[in-house]
Amino acid sequence: MSKELFIWGIPLEKVDEAKDLNIPLSSSGDIGISEVFNSKNTHPDFVFPWVGGTPIKTVASMPKELVICLKRVKSISFDLLSYSNFLIVSKALYDYMTAHGFDYDEDKSCARLVNPKGDALTDETFYLLRCYWWNIKHNEVQLIRDEKNNDVIAASTDSTKDFLMTDHREYCYELFVNADLKQEITTLFRNPMLFSLKEWNELNSDDWGF
């Protein structure tokens, strides 16, 4: 049976709302990832040997542990953040995702979440997951388009998985979720933002003003 899919993420029009919820944003420079914490350079360029893979270029394995420094926040109010082709995920959510079919992480590191002083923001286990769209051998996300203008208006899947990713280039960094899980996810996890494809595209449109 076909299932409707939502995207879990922060569209442009929800950036201010995310800030109000104390959620760090990569677009605002809040997130810095390091192999070893350096108080003089908490947000280094993201150019490590394990970053920057392509369909024809392999990269090094990820380190067992790393540090994620978060500006602007004093506590953790999220379970999922997107960071290019990486996902920052709490262990609680990761376990939930894998129990519901997620198998797209090509490698992962344990992540220690700290503030710019190096103080721990949480004792929880978090992971940094590396996901490559070109490693998806069987795309299971179907995009439904408007017959008149070809705009994407929905997404669905016939897969048994409830968490999916896709090699469709316009959505290859997004996490898709079975829409039927929205209420449960909202109950179990912190400040999830889940949108239908129609909502997602409207909230990322250039037609609205800042």
N, C-alpha and C. Protein backbone atom coordinates (compact mmCIF):
# COMPACT_ATOMS: atom_id res chain seq x y z
N MET A 1 0.84 -1.20 0.00
CA MET A 1 0.00 0.00 0.00
C MET A 1 0.88 1.25 0.00
N SER A 2 0.53 2.20 -0.84
CA SER A 2 1.32 3.42 -0.94
C SER A 2 1.13 4.30 0.30
N LYS A 3 2.25 4.91 0.75
CA LYS A 3 2.23 5.78 1.93
C LYS A 3 2.66 7.18 1.52
N GLU A 4 1.96 8.19 2.04
CA GLU A 4 2.40 9.57 1.81
C GLU A 4 3.65 9.84 2.64
N LEU A 5 4.56 10.61 2.07
CA LEU A 5 5.79 10.98 2.76
C LEU A 5 5.84 12.47 3.05
N PHE A 6 6.33 12.81 4.23
CA PHE A 6 6.63 14.19 4.60
C PHE A 6 8.14 14.38 4.62
N ILE A 7 8.59 15.62 4.58
CA ILE A 7 10.00 15.95 4.78
C ILE A 7 10.18 16.47 6.20
N TRP A 8 11.21 15.98 6.87
CA TRP A 8 11.58 16.48 8.19
C TRP A 8 12.75 17.44 7.99
N GLY A 9 12.50 18.72 8.16
CA GLY A 9 13.55 19.70 7.96
C GLY A 9 13.05 21.11 8.27
N ILE A 10 13.90 22.09 8.01
CA ILE A 10 13.58 23.49 8.30
C ILE A 10 13.57 24.27 6.99
N PRO A 11 12.40 24.55 6.43
CA PRO A 11 12.33 25.35 5.21
C PRO A 11 12.62 26.82 5.51
N LEU A 12 12.87 27.58 4.47
CA LEU A 12 13.27 28.98 4.63
C LEU A 12 12.31 29.79 5.49
N GLU A 13 11.02 29.59 5.26
CA GLU A 13 10.04 30.43 5.94
C GLU A 13 9.89 30.06 7.42
N LYS A 14 10.51 28.96 7.84
CA LYS A 14 10.42 28.53 9.24
C LYS A 14 11.73 28.78 10.00
N VAL A 15 12.67 29.48 9.38
CA VAL A 15 13.96 29.72 10.03
C VAL A 15 13.79 30.51 11.32
N ASP A 16 13.02 31.58 11.29
CA ASP A 16 12.82 32.38 12.50
C ASP A 16 12.14 31.58 13.60
N GLU A 17 11.18 30.75 13.21
CA GLU A 17 10.50 29.90 14.20
C GLU A 17 11.49 28.93 14.83
N ALA A 18 12.39 28.37 14.01
CA ALA A 18 13.40 27.45 14.53
C ALA A 18 14.32 28.16 15.51
N LYS A 19 14.71 29.39 15.18
CA LYS A 19 15.55 30.16 16.10
C LYS A 19 14.84 30.38 17.43
N ASP A 20 13.55 30.69 17.38
CA ASP A 20 12.78 30.91 18.60
C ASP A 20 12.69 29.64 19.44
N LEU A 21 12.80 28.49 18.79
CA LEU A 21 12.76 27.20 19.48
C LEU A 21 14.13 26.76 19.96
N ASN A 22 15.13 27.65 19.80
CA ASN A 22 16.49 27.36 20.27
C ASN A 22 17.17 26.28 19.44
N ILE A 23 16.79 26.17 18.17
CA ILE A 23 17.38 25.19 17.27
C ILE A 23 18.52 25.84 16.50
N PRO A 24 19.74 25.30 16.58
CA PRO A 24 20.86 25.87 15.83
C PRO A 24 20.69 25.64 14.33
N LEU A 25 21.22 26.56 13.53
CA LEU A 25 21.04 26.51 12.09
C LEU A 25 22.39 26.56 11.39
N SER A 26 22.60 25.65 10.45
CA SER A 26 23.84 25.69 9.68
C SER A 26 23.91 26.93 8.82
N SER A 27 22.76 27.39 8.32
CA SER A 27 22.74 28.57 7.45
C SER A 27 23.13 29.84 8.19
N SER A 28 23.02 29.83 9.52
CA SER A 28 23.37 31.00 10.33
C SER A 28 24.76 30.88 10.96
N GLY A 29 25.47 29.82 10.61
CA GLY A 29 26.81 29.63 11.16
C GLY A 29 26.83 29.16 12.60
N ASP A 30 25.72 28.60 13.07
CA ASP A 30 25.64 28.16 14.46
C ASP A 30 26.41 26.87 14.72
N ILE A 31 26.63 26.06 13.69
CA ILE A 31 27.16 24.71 13.86
C ILE A 31 28.61 24.64 13.41
N GLY A 32 29.48 24.19 14.30
CA GLY A 32 30.88 23.98 13.97
C GLY A 32 31.28 22.56 14.30
N ILE A 33 31.90 21.87 13.36
CA ILE A 33 32.27 20.47 13.55
C ILE A 33 33.78 20.33 13.53
N SER A 34 34.33 19.68 14.55
CA SER A 34 35.78 19.52 14.68
C SER A 34 36.10 18.08 15.10
N GLU A 35 37.29 17.63 14.71
CA GLU A 35 37.73 16.33 15.20
C GLU A 35 38.18 16.43 16.66
N VAL A 36 38.78 17.58 17.00
CA VAL A 36 39.22 17.87 18.36
C VAL A 36 38.82 19.30 18.69
N PHE A 37 38.24 19.53 19.85
CA PHE A 37 37.79 20.88 20.19
C PHE A 37 38.96 21.83 20.33
N ASN A 38 38.81 23.02 19.72
CA ASN A 38 39.82 24.08 19.80
C ASN A 38 39.08 25.37 20.14
N SER A 39 39.29 25.88 21.34
CA SER A 39 38.55 27.07 21.78
C SER A 39 38.86 28.29 20.93
N LYS A 40 39.99 28.28 20.22
CA LYS A 40 40.35 29.41 19.36
C LYS A 40 39.78 29.26 17.94
N ASN A 41 39.24 28.09 17.65
CA ASN A 41 38.68 27.85 16.32
C ASN A 41 37.56 26.82 16.45
N THR A 42 36.46 27.26 17.04
CA THR A 42 35.36 26.33 17.34
C THR A 42 34.54 25.95 16.11
N HIS A 43 34.64 26.78 15.06
CA HIS A 43 33.86 26.54 13.84
C HIS A 43 34.80 26.54 12.62
N PRO A 44 35.65 25.53 12.52
CA PRO A 44 36.60 25.48 11.40
C PRO A 44 35.90 25.17 10.08
N ASP A 45 36.62 25.40 8.98
CA ASP A 45 36.09 25.01 7.68
C ASP A 45 35.84 23.50 7.68
N PHE A 46 34.77 23.10 7.05
CA PHE A 46 34.37 21.69 7.04
C PHE A 46 35.08 20.98 5.89
N VAL A 47 36.39 20.76 6.05
CA VAL A 47 37.22 20.25 4.96
C VAL A 47 38.08 19.07 5.41
N PHE A 48 37.54 18.21 6.22
CA PHE A 48 38.29 17.08 6.74
C PHE A 48 38.43 15.97 5.68
N PRO A 49 39.37 15.04 5.87
CA PRO A 49 39.57 13.97 4.87
C PRO A 49 38.34 13.09 4.65
N TRP A 50 37.41 13.11 5.58
CA TRP A 50 36.20 12.28 5.47
C TRP A 50 35.01 13.06 4.94
N VAL A 51 35.26 14.27 4.44
CA VAL A 51 34.23 15.14 3.86
C VAL A 51 34.54 15.33 2.38
N GLY A 52 33.51 15.51 1.58
CA GLY A 52 33.73 15.90 0.20
C GLY A 52 33.75 14.77 -0.81
N GLY A 53 33.15 13.65 -0.46
CA GLY A 53 33.07 12.56 -1.42
C GLY A 53 32.19 12.91 -2.61
N THR A 54 32.42 12.25 -3.71
CA THR A 54 31.62 12.40 -4.93
C THR A 54 31.36 11.00 -5.49
N PRO A 55 30.51 10.89 -6.51
CA PRO A 55 30.28 9.57 -7.10
C PRO A 55 31.55 8.90 -7.62
N ILE A 56 32.60 9.69 -7.89
CA ILE A 56 33.85 9.10 -8.43
C ILE A 56 35.03 9.31 -7.48
N LYS A 57 34.77 9.81 -6.29
CA LYS A 57 35.84 10.07 -5.33
C LYS A 57 35.43 9.56 -3.96
N THR A 58 36.18 8.59 -3.45
CA THR A 58 35.92 8.11 -2.10
C THR A 58 36.71 8.94 -1.10
N VAL A 59 36.26 8.94 0.13
CA VAL A 59 36.93 9.71 1.17
C VAL A 59 37.24 8.81 2.36
N ALA A 60 37.99 9.35 3.31
CA ALA A 60 38.40 8.57 4.48
C ALA A 60 37.20 8.20 5.34
N SER A 61 37.40 7.18 6.15
CA SER A 61 36.38 6.81 7.13
C SER A 61 36.23 7.93 8.15
N MET A 62 35.05 8.06 8.70
CA MET A 62 34.82 9.06 9.72
C MET A 62 35.49 8.66 11.03
N PRO A 63 35.89 9.65 11.85
CA PRO A 63 36.49 9.31 13.14
C PRO A 63 35.46 8.68 14.07
N LYS A 64 35.96 7.94 15.05
CA LYS A 64 35.05 7.31 16.01
C LYS A 64 34.26 8.36 16.78
N GLU A 65 34.93 9.46 17.15
CA GLU A 65 34.28 10.53 17.90
C GLU A 65 34.68 11.88 17.32
N LEU A 66 33.81 12.87 17.48
CA LEU A 66 34.12 14.23 17.08
C LEU A 66 33.32 15.19 17.97
N VAL A 67 33.53 16.48 17.73
CA VAL A 67 32.90 17.51 18.55
C VAL A 67 32.05 18.41 17.66
N ILE A 68 30.84 18.68 18.10
CA ILE A 68 29.97 19.64 17.41
C ILE A 68 29.73 20.81 18.35
N CYS A 69 30.23 21.98 17.96
CA CYS A 69 30.08 23.18 18.77
C CYS A 69 28.87 23.97 18.27
N LEU A 70 28.00 24.34 19.18
CA LEU A 70 26.77 25.04 18.83
C LEU A 70 26.76 26.43 19.45
N LYS A 71 26.68 27.43 18.60
CA LYS A 71 26.53 28.81 19.08
C LYS A 71 25.06 29.07 19.40
N ARG A 72 24.84 30.07 20.25
CA ARG A 72 23.52 30.65 20.46
C ARG A 72 22.58 29.81 21.31
N VAL A 73 22.89 28.56 21.57
CA VAL A 73 21.96 27.72 22.33
C VAL A 73 22.58 27.34 23.68
N LYS A 74 21.74 27.21 24.68
CA LYS A 74 22.20 26.85 26.02
C LYS A 74 21.76 25.45 26.42
N SER A 75 20.88 24.87 25.63
CA SER A 75 20.41 23.51 25.89
C SER A 75 20.00 22.90 24.56
N ILE A 76 19.76 21.60 24.57
CA ILE A 76 19.43 20.89 23.33
C ILE A 76 17.92 20.78 23.19
N SER A 77 17.41 21.30 22.10
CA SER A 77 15.96 21.30 21.86
C SER A 77 15.63 20.68 20.51
N PHE A 78 16.45 19.73 20.08
CA PHE A 78 16.23 19.06 18.79
C PHE A 78 16.73 17.62 18.88
N ASP A 79 16.27 16.80 17.96
CA ASP A 79 16.79 15.45 17.79
C ASP A 79 17.38 15.25 16.40
N LEU A 80 17.14 16.20 15.50
CA LEU A 80 17.63 16.07 14.12
C LEU A 80 18.00 17.43 13.56
N LEU A 81 19.19 17.50 12.95
CA LEU A 81 19.61 18.66 12.18
C LEU A 81 20.23 18.16 10.89
N SER A 82 19.98 18.86 9.80
CA SER A 82 20.65 18.56 8.53
C SER A 82 21.88 19.44 8.39
N TYR A 83 22.95 18.87 7.84
CA TYR A 83 24.18 19.62 7.62
C TYR A 83 24.79 19.11 6.33
N SER A 84 24.39 19.75 5.20
CA SER A 84 24.78 19.27 3.87
C SER A 84 24.32 17.82 3.73
N ASN A 85 25.24 16.92 3.35
CA ASN A 85 24.84 15.52 3.20
C ASN A 85 25.06 14.73 4.49
N PHE A 86 25.12 15.44 5.61
CA PHE A 86 25.23 14.82 6.92
C PHE A 86 23.97 15.09 7.73
N LEU A 87 23.70 14.20 8.67
CA LEU A 87 22.60 14.39 9.62
C LEU A 87 23.17 14.33 11.03
N ILE A 88 22.78 15.28 11.86
CA ILE A 88 23.09 15.25 13.29
C ILE A 88 21.86 14.69 13.99
N VAL A 89 22.01 13.54 14.64
CA VAL A 89 20.84 12.80 15.12
C VAL A 89 21.09 12.29 16.54
N SER A 90 20.11 12.45 17.41
CA SER A 90 20.21 11.86 18.75
C SER A 90 20.15 10.34 18.63
N LYS A 91 20.78 9.65 19.59
CA LYS A 91 20.73 8.19 19.58
C LYS A 91 19.30 7.70 19.67
N ALA A 92 18.48 8.39 20.46
CA ALA A 92 17.08 7.97 20.60
C ALA A 92 16.37 8.00 19.24
N LEU A 93 16.60 9.06 18.48
CA LEU A 93 15.97 9.14 17.17
C LEU A 93 16.61 8.16 16.20
N TYR A 94 17.92 8.02 16.24
CA TYR A 94 18.60 7.08 15.34
C TYR A 94 18.07 5.66 15.54
N ASP A 95 17.92 5.26 16.79
CA ASP A 95 17.39 3.93 17.06
C ASP A 95 15.97 3.79 16.52
N TYR A 96 15.18 4.83 16.66
CA TYR A 96 13.81 4.83 16.15
C TYR A 96 13.82 4.75 14.62
N MET A 97 14.68 5.53 13.99
CA MET A 97 14.76 5.53 12.53
C MET A 97 15.17 4.16 11.99
N THR A 98 16.20 3.58 12.58
CA THR A 98 16.67 2.28 12.07
C THR A 98 15.64 1.19 12.32
N ALA A 99 14.89 1.30 13.42
CA ALA A 99 13.81 0.34 13.68
C ALA A 99 12.69 0.47 12.65
N HIS A 100 12.62 1.64 12.00
CA HIS A 100 11.61 1.89 10.98
C HIS A 100 12.22 1.91 9.58
N GLY A 101 13.34 1.22 9.40
CA GLY A 101 13.83 0.97 8.06
C GLY A 101 14.95 1.84 7.55
N PHE A 102 15.35 2.87 8.29
CA PHE A 102 16.41 3.76 7.80
C PHE A 102 17.74 3.00 7.70
N ASP A 103 18.35 3.04 6.51
CA ASP A 103 19.63 2.35 6.31
C ASP A 103 20.52 3.11 5.33
N TYR A 104 20.46 4.43 5.37
CA TYR A 104 21.15 5.26 4.38
C TYR A 104 22.47 5.83 4.89
N ASP A 105 22.78 5.64 6.17
CA ASP A 105 24.04 6.18 6.68
C ASP A 105 25.21 5.32 6.22
N GLU A 106 26.08 5.93 5.45
CA GLU A 106 27.23 5.25 4.88
C GLU A 106 28.36 5.13 5.91
N ASP A 107 28.36 6.04 6.89
CA ASP A 107 29.33 6.03 7.98
C ASP A 107 28.79 6.95 9.07
N LYS A 108 29.34 6.84 10.28
CA LYS A 108 28.87 7.72 11.35
C LYS A 108 29.93 7.87 12.43
N SER A 109 29.83 8.97 13.18
CA SER A 109 30.68 9.24 14.33
C SER A 109 29.80 9.55 15.53
N CYS A 110 30.28 9.20 16.72
CA CYS A 110 29.66 9.71 17.94
C CYS A 110 30.03 11.18 18.06
N ALA A 111 29.08 12.00 18.45
CA ALA A 111 29.31 13.44 18.51
C ALA A 111 29.07 13.97 19.92
N ARG A 112 30.03 14.75 20.39
CA ARG A 112 29.88 15.45 21.68
C ARG A 112 29.43 16.87 21.39
N LEU A 113 28.31 17.27 21.93
CA LEU A 113 27.74 18.60 21.68
C LEU A 113 28.18 19.55 22.78
N VAL A 114 28.84 20.65 22.37
CA VAL A 114 29.39 21.60 23.34
C VAL A 114 29.04 23.02 22.94
N ASN A 115 29.24 23.95 23.89
CA ASN A 115 29.12 25.37 23.58
C ASN A 115 30.49 25.92 23.19
N PRO A 116 30.60 27.18 22.79
CA PRO A 116 31.90 27.71 22.35
C PRO A 116 32.99 27.70 23.42
N LYS A 117 32.63 27.50 24.68
CA LYS A 117 33.63 27.39 25.74
C LYS A 117 34.11 25.95 25.91
N GLY A 118 33.46 25.02 25.20
CA GLY A 118 33.82 23.62 25.33
C GLY A 118 33.02 22.87 26.37
N ASP A 119 32.06 23.55 27.00
CA ASP A 119 31.23 22.90 28.00
C ASP A 119 30.17 22.03 27.33
N ALA A 120 29.95 20.85 27.88
CA ALA A 120 28.96 19.94 27.31
C ALA A 120 27.56 20.52 27.42
N LEU A 121 26.80 20.43 26.34
CA LEU A 121 25.41 20.89 26.34
C LEU A 121 24.44 19.79 26.74
N THR A 122 24.90 18.55 26.70
CA THR A 122 24.05 17.42 27.04
C THR A 122 24.91 16.20 27.31
N ASP A 123 24.38 15.27 28.07
CA ASP A 123 25.04 13.98 28.29
C ASP A 123 24.52 12.93 27.31
N GLU A 124 23.55 13.30 26.51
CA GLU A 124 22.97 12.37 25.54
C GLU A 124 23.98 12.00 24.46
N THR A 125 23.81 10.82 23.91
CA THR A 125 24.60 10.41 22.75
C THR A 125 23.97 10.96 21.49
N PHE A 126 24.80 11.61 20.67
CA PHE A 126 24.39 12.05 19.34
C PHE A 126 25.33 11.46 18.31
N TYR A 127 24.85 11.35 17.08
CA TYR A 127 25.67 10.87 15.98
C TYR A 127 25.71 11.90 14.86
N LEU A 128 26.82 11.90 14.14
CA LEU A 128 26.90 12.59 12.85
C LEU A 128 26.89 11.51 11.79
N LEU A 129 25.85 11.47 10.98
CA LEU A 129 25.69 10.45 9.94
C LEU A 129 26.09 11.02 8.59
N ARG A 130 26.83 10.24 7.82
CA ARG A 130 27.19 10.63 6.46
C ARG A 130 26.32 9.85 5.48
N CYS A 131 25.61 10.56 4.62
CA CYS A 131 24.67 9.93 3.68
C CYS A 131 24.96 10.44 2.27
N TYR A 132 25.12 9.53 1.33
CA TYR A 132 25.39 9.90 -0.06
C TYR A 132 24.24 9.44 -0.96
N TRP A 133 23.67 10.38 -1.71
CA TRP A 133 22.55 10.02 -2.58
C TRP A 133 22.96 9.02 -3.65
N TRP A 134 24.22 9.08 -4.10
CA TRP A 134 24.63 8.18 -5.19
C TRP A 134 24.81 6.74 -4.72
N ASN A 135 24.76 6.52 -3.41
CA ASN A 135 24.82 5.15 -2.91
C ASN A 135 23.44 4.50 -2.79
N ILE A 136 22.40 5.26 -3.10
CA ILE A 136 21.05 4.71 -3.06
C ILE A 136 20.83 3.86 -4.31
N LYS A 137 20.80 2.58 -4.13
CA LYS A 137 20.72 1.66 -5.27
C LYS A 137 19.30 1.52 -5.81
N HIS A 138 18.33 1.64 -4.93
CA HIS A 138 16.94 1.48 -5.34
C HIS A 138 16.14 2.65 -4.77
N ASN A 139 15.89 3.64 -5.61
CA ASN A 139 15.12 4.79 -5.15
C ASN A 139 13.68 4.37 -4.88
N GLU A 140 13.20 4.64 -3.68
CA GLU A 140 11.86 4.21 -3.28
C GLU A 140 10.94 5.39 -2.99
N VAL A 141 11.38 6.59 -3.32
CA VAL A 141 10.56 7.79 -3.14
C VAL A 141 9.99 8.20 -4.48
N GLN A 142 8.67 8.21 -4.59
CA GLN A 142 8.02 8.64 -5.82
C GLN A 142 7.53 10.08 -5.65
N LEU A 143 7.90 10.93 -6.58
CA LEU A 143 7.44 12.31 -6.57
C LEU A 143 6.20 12.43 -7.45
N ILE A 144 5.18 13.07 -6.92
CA ILE A 144 3.92 13.26 -7.66
C ILE A 144 3.87 14.71 -8.12
N ARG A 145 3.69 14.90 -9.42
CA ARG A 145 3.76 16.24 -9.99
C ARG A 145 2.40 16.70 -10.51
N ASP A 146 2.21 18.00 -10.44
CA ASP A 146 1.02 18.63 -11.01
C ASP A 146 1.06 18.48 -12.53
N GLU A 147 -0.03 18.00 -13.10
CA GLU A 147 -0.04 17.75 -14.54
C GLU A 147 0.06 19.04 -15.36
N LYS A 148 -0.36 20.16 -14.78
CA LYS A 148 -0.36 21.41 -15.53
C LYS A 148 1.01 22.08 -15.57
N ASN A 149 1.66 22.21 -14.40
CA ASN A 149 2.92 22.95 -14.37
C ASN A 149 4.12 22.10 -13.96
N ASN A 150 3.90 20.82 -13.73
CA ASN A 150 4.97 19.88 -13.39
C ASN A 150 5.59 20.11 -12.02
N ASP A 151 4.97 20.96 -11.20
CA ASP A 151 5.47 21.17 -9.84
C ASP A 151 5.25 19.92 -9.00
N VAL A 152 6.20 19.64 -8.11
CA VAL A 152 6.04 18.52 -7.18
C VAL A 152 5.00 18.90 -6.13
N ILE A 153 3.99 18.08 -5.97
CA ILE A 153 2.91 18.39 -5.02
C ILE A 153 2.80 17.35 -3.90
N ALA A 154 3.48 16.23 -4.03
CA ALA A 154 3.42 15.20 -2.99
C ALA A 154 4.52 14.18 -3.23
N ALA A 155 4.76 13.36 -2.22
CA ALA A 155 5.69 12.24 -2.35
C ALA A 155 5.08 11.03 -1.68
N SER A 156 5.39 9.87 -2.21
CA SER A 156 4.85 8.64 -1.64
C SER A 156 5.86 7.52 -1.81
N THR A 157 5.58 6.39 -1.19
CA THR A 157 6.43 5.22 -1.33
C THR A 157 5.60 3.96 -1.17
N ASP A 158 6.04 2.91 -1.82
CA ASP A 158 5.46 1.58 -1.64
C ASP A 158 6.36 0.72 -0.75
N SER A 159 7.44 1.32 -0.26
CA SER A 159 8.41 0.60 0.56
C SER A 159 7.84 0.28 1.94
N THR A 160 8.41 -0.72 2.57
CA THR A 160 8.07 -1.01 3.96
C THR A 160 8.78 -0.05 4.92
N LYS A 161 9.75 0.69 4.41
CA LYS A 161 10.48 1.65 5.24
C LYS A 161 9.59 2.85 5.57
N ASP A 162 9.82 3.43 6.74
CA ASP A 162 9.12 4.64 7.14
C ASP A 162 10.03 5.87 7.13
N PHE A 163 11.33 5.66 7.03
CA PHE A 163 12.30 6.74 6.88
C PHE A 163 13.10 6.48 5.62
N LEU A 164 13.09 7.44 4.70
CA LEU A 164 13.73 7.22 3.41
C LEU A 164 14.53 8.45 2.98
N MET A 165 15.48 8.20 2.08
CA MET A 165 16.16 9.27 1.37
C MET A 165 16.08 8.95 -0.12
N THR A 166 16.42 9.92 -0.95
CA THR A 166 16.22 9.75 -2.39
C THR A 166 17.41 10.25 -3.18
N ASP A 167 17.53 9.75 -4.40
CA ASP A 167 18.56 10.28 -5.30
C ASP A 167 17.99 11.33 -6.25
N HIS A 168 16.72 11.71 -6.07
CA HIS A 168 16.18 12.85 -6.82
C HIS A 168 16.99 14.09 -6.43
N ARG A 169 17.64 14.72 -7.38
CA ARG A 169 18.62 15.75 -7.05
C ARG A 169 18.03 16.91 -6.26
N GLU A 170 16.77 17.27 -6.52
CA GLU A 170 16.20 18.42 -5.81
C GLU A 170 15.88 18.12 -4.35
N TYR A 171 15.90 16.84 -3.97
CA TYR A 171 15.58 16.47 -2.59
C TYR A 171 16.61 15.50 -2.01
N CYS A 172 17.81 15.46 -2.58
CA CYS A 172 18.76 14.41 -2.22
C CYS A 172 19.39 14.59 -0.84
N TYR A 173 19.20 15.75 -0.20
CA TYR A 173 19.72 15.95 1.15
C TYR A 173 18.61 15.92 2.20
N GLU A 174 17.40 15.54 1.79
CA GLU A 174 16.26 15.60 2.70
C GLU A 174 15.92 14.22 3.27
N LEU A 175 15.37 14.25 4.47
CA LEU A 175 14.90 13.03 5.12
C LEU A 175 13.40 12.94 4.97
N PHE A 176 12.94 11.86 4.35
CA PHE A 176 11.51 11.62 4.15
C PHE A 176 10.98 10.69 5.23
N VAL A 177 9.76 10.97 5.68
CA VAL A 177 9.16 10.24 6.80
C VAL A 177 7.72 9.86 6.44
N ASN A 178 7.33 8.67 6.81
CA ASN A 178 5.94 8.24 6.65
C ASN A 178 5.03 9.25 7.36
N ALA A 179 4.12 9.85 6.62
CA ALA A 179 3.24 10.88 7.19
C ALA A 179 2.41 10.36 8.36
N ASP A 180 2.13 9.07 8.37
CA ASP A 180 1.31 8.49 9.44
C ASP A 180 2.03 8.52 10.80
N LEU A 181 3.35 8.74 10.78
CA LEU A 181 4.11 8.76 12.03
C LEU A 181 4.21 10.16 12.63
N LYS A 182 3.62 11.16 11.98
CA LYS A 182 3.81 12.54 12.44
C LYS A 182 3.42 12.72 13.90
N GLN A 183 2.26 12.24 14.30
CA GLN A 183 1.81 12.44 15.68
C GLN A 183 2.74 11.75 16.66
N GLU A 184 3.15 10.53 16.35
CA GLU A 184 4.04 9.79 17.24
C GLU A 184 5.39 10.48 17.35
N ILE A 185 5.93 10.93 16.23
CA ILE A 185 7.22 11.63 16.23
C ILE A 185 7.13 12.92 17.04
N THR A 186 6.04 13.64 16.87
CA THR A 186 5.85 14.89 17.61
C THR A 186 5.79 14.64 19.11
N THR A 187 5.26 13.49 19.50
CA THR A 187 5.18 13.14 20.92
C THR A 187 6.54 12.70 21.48
N LEU A 188 7.30 11.95 20.68
CA LEU A 188 8.53 11.33 21.17
C LEU A 188 9.75 12.23 21.10
N PHE A 189 9.77 13.17 20.15
CA PHE A 189 11.00 13.91 19.87
C PHE A 189 10.80 15.42 19.96
N ARG A 190 11.92 16.14 20.02
CA ARG A 190 11.90 17.57 20.30
C ARG A 190 11.76 18.42 19.04
N ASN A 191 10.70 19.18 19.00
CA ASN A 191 10.47 20.19 17.97
C ASN A 191 10.67 19.70 16.53
N PRO A 192 10.12 18.55 16.18
CA PRO A 192 10.24 18.11 14.79
C PRO A 192 9.42 19.00 13.87
N MET A 193 9.97 19.30 12.71
CA MET A 193 9.26 20.07 11.69
C MET A 193 9.02 19.15 10.50
N LEU A 194 7.76 18.77 10.32
CA LEU A 194 7.37 17.82 9.28
C LEU A 194 6.39 18.47 8.33
N PHE A 195 6.67 18.36 7.03
CA PHE A 195 5.86 19.05 6.03
C PHE A 195 5.57 18.15 4.84
N SER A 196 4.37 18.29 4.30
CA SER A 196 4.07 17.65 3.02
C SER A 196 4.95 18.29 1.96
N LEU A 197 5.09 17.65 0.83
CA LEU A 197 5.92 18.21 -0.24
C LEU A 197 5.35 19.53 -0.75
N LYS A 198 4.04 19.62 -0.81
CA LYS A 198 3.42 20.87 -1.25
C LYS A 198 3.76 21.99 -0.28
N GLU A 199 3.64 21.72 1.03
CA GLU A 199 3.99 22.72 2.04
C GLU A 199 5.47 23.06 1.98
N TRP A 200 6.30 22.05 1.85
CA TRP A 200 7.75 22.26 1.83
C TRP A 200 8.16 23.19 0.69
N ASN A 201 7.62 22.94 -0.48
CA ASN A 201 7.98 23.77 -1.63
C ASN A 201 7.45 25.19 -1.49
N GLU A 202 6.25 25.33 -0.95
CA GLU A 202 5.70 26.67 -0.74
C GLU A 202 6.52 27.45 0.29
N LEU A 203 6.98 26.77 1.34
CA LEU A 203 7.75 27.42 2.40
C LEU A 203 9.18 27.71 1.99
N ASN A 204 9.62 27.11 0.90
CA ASN A 204 10.95 27.39 0.35
C ASN A 204 10.89 28.26 -0.89
N SER A 205 9.71 28.77 -1.19
CA SER A 205 9.52 29.55 -2.41
C SER A 205 10.19 30.91 -2.30
N ASP A 206 10.62 31.44 -3.43
CA ASP A 206 11.19 32.79 -3.48
C ASP A 206 10.11 33.86 -3.50
N ASP A 207 8.84 33.43 -3.47
CA ASP A 207 7.75 34.40 -3.63
C ASP A 207 7.42 35.14 -2.34
N TRP A 208 7.92 34.62 -1.20
CA TRP A 208 7.61 35.32 0.04
C TRP A 208 8.82 36.15 0.43
N GLY A 209 8.60 37.22 1.19
CA GLY A 209 9.68 38.15 1.51
C GLY A 209 10.14 38.05 2.94
N PHE A 210 11.42 38.37 3.16
CA PHE A 210 11.97 38.41 4.51
C PHE A 210 11.60 39.73 5.17
